[in-house]
């Protein structure tokens, strides 16, 4: 249902996401956890189209 491969996102010159790959099968529930600054919001914002990869 959702597959991302080698996703990179920048905020200006800052390389925020470096090669994220994610595969979620239909019917699965997935959580994204990590400490502050780990890239959770950047990942979700990129998937949602709020930030360009």
C-alpha atoms as a PDB file:
ATOM      1  CA  UNK A   1       0.000   0.000   0.000  1.00  0.00           C
ATOM      2  CA  UNK A   2       2.834   2.417   0.873  1.00  0.00           C
ATOM      3  CA  UNK A   3       6.388   2.017  -0.325  1.00  0.00           C
ATOM      4  CA  UNK A   4       9.128   4.637  -0.102  1.00  0.00           C
ATOM      5  CA  UNK A   5      12.661   3.947  -1.232  1.00  0.00           C
ATOM      6  CA  UNK A   6      15.786   6.044  -0.686  1.00  0.00           C
ATOM      7  CA  UNK A   7      13.899   9.172   0.408  1.00  0.00           C
ATOM      8  CA  UNK A   8      15.989  12.315   0.962  1.00  0.00           C
ATOM      9  CA  UNK A   9      14.641  15.636   2.243  1.00  0.00           C
ATOM     10  CA  UNK A  10      16.447  18.934   2.669  1.00  0.00           C
ATOM     11  CA  UNK A  11      15.585  22.112   4.551  1.00  0.00           C
ATOM     12  CA  UNK A  12      17.790  24.539   2.692  1.00  0.00           C
ATOM     13  CA  UNK A  13      21.294  23.087   3.009  1.00  0.00           C
ATOM     14  CA  UNK A  14      20.343  20.798   5.926  1.00  0.00           C
ATOM     15  CA  UNK A  15      20.013  17.142   4.878  1.00  0.00           C
ATOM     16  CA  UNK A  16      17.121  16.157   7.183  1.00  0.00           C
ATOM     17  CA  UNK A  17      16.270  12.685   5.816  1.00  0.00           C
ATOM     18  CA  UNK A  18      19.040  10.525   4.422  1.00  0.00           C
ATOM     19  CA  UNK A  19      17.902   7.501   2.436  1.00  0.00           C
ATOM     20  CA  UNK A  20      14.716   6.524   4.291  1.00  0.00           C
ATOM     21  CA  UNK A  21      13.103   3.327   2.990  1.00  0.00           C
ATOM     22  CA  UNK A  22       9.717   2.172   4.248  1.00  0.00           C
ATOM     23  CA  UNK A  23       7.299  -0.542   3.153  1.00  0.00           C
ATOM     24  CA  UNK A  24       3.873  -0.924   4.750  1.00  0.00           C
ATOM     25  CA  UNK A  25       1.563  -3.713   3.642  1.00  0.00           C
ATOM     26  CA  UNK A  26      -2.183  -3.271   3.251  1.00  0.00           C
ATOM     27  CA  UNK A  27      -4.012  -3.727   6.546  1.00  0.00           C
ATOM     28  CA  UNK A  28      -0.945  -3.131   8.729  1.00  0.00           C
ATOM     29  CA  UNK A  29      -0.663  -0.483  11.426  1.00  0.00           C
ATOM     30  CA  UNK A  30       2.763   1.106  11.792  1.00  0.00           C
ATOM     31  CA  UNK A  31       4.163   3.598  14.288  1.00  0.00           C
ATOM     32  CA  UNK A  32       7.127   5.889  13.873  1.00  0.00           C
ATOM     33  CA  UNK A  33       9.030   6.510  17.101  1.00  0.00           C
ATOM     34  CA  UNK A  34      12.275   8.250  17.960  1.00  0.00           C
ATOM     35  CA  UNK A  35      13.846  10.978  20.021  1.00  0.00           C
ATOM     36  CA  UNK A  36      13.542  14.697  19.334  1.00  0.00           C
ATOM     37  CA  UNK A  37      15.249  15.604  16.085  1.00  0.00           C
ATOM     38  CA  UNK A  38      15.202  12.038  14.751  1.00  0.00           C
ATOM     39  CA  UNK A  39      13.143  12.955  11.656  1.00  0.00           C
ATOM     40  CA  UNK A  40       9.645  11.725  12.552  1.00  0.00           C
ATOM     41  CA  UNK A  41       7.878  14.951  11.561  1.00  0.00           C
ATOM     42  CA  UNK A  42      10.074  15.415   8.496  1.00  0.00           C
ATOM     43  CA  UNK A  43       9.224  11.887   7.336  1.00  0.00           C
ATOM     44  CA  UNK A  44       5.478  12.358   7.800  1.00  0.00           C
ATOM     45  CA  UNK A  45       5.511  15.849   6.288  1.00  0.00           C
ATOM     46  CA  UNK A  46       7.337  14.520   3.221  1.00  0.00           C
ATOM     47  CA  UNK A  47       4.901  11.598   2.838  1.00  0.00           C
ATOM     48  CA  UNK A  48       1.958  14.030   3.160  1.00  0.00           C
ATOM     49  CA  UNK A  49       3.450  16.287   0.485  1.00  0.00           C
ATOM     50  CA  UNK A  50       4.001  19.250   2.788  1.00  0.00           C
ATOM     51  CA  UNK A  51       7.760  19.096   2.153  1.00  0.00           C
ATOM     52  CA  UNK A  52       9.306  18.142  -1.187  1.00  0.00           C
ATOM     53  CA  UNK A  53      11.727  15.202  -1.197  1.00  0.00           C
END
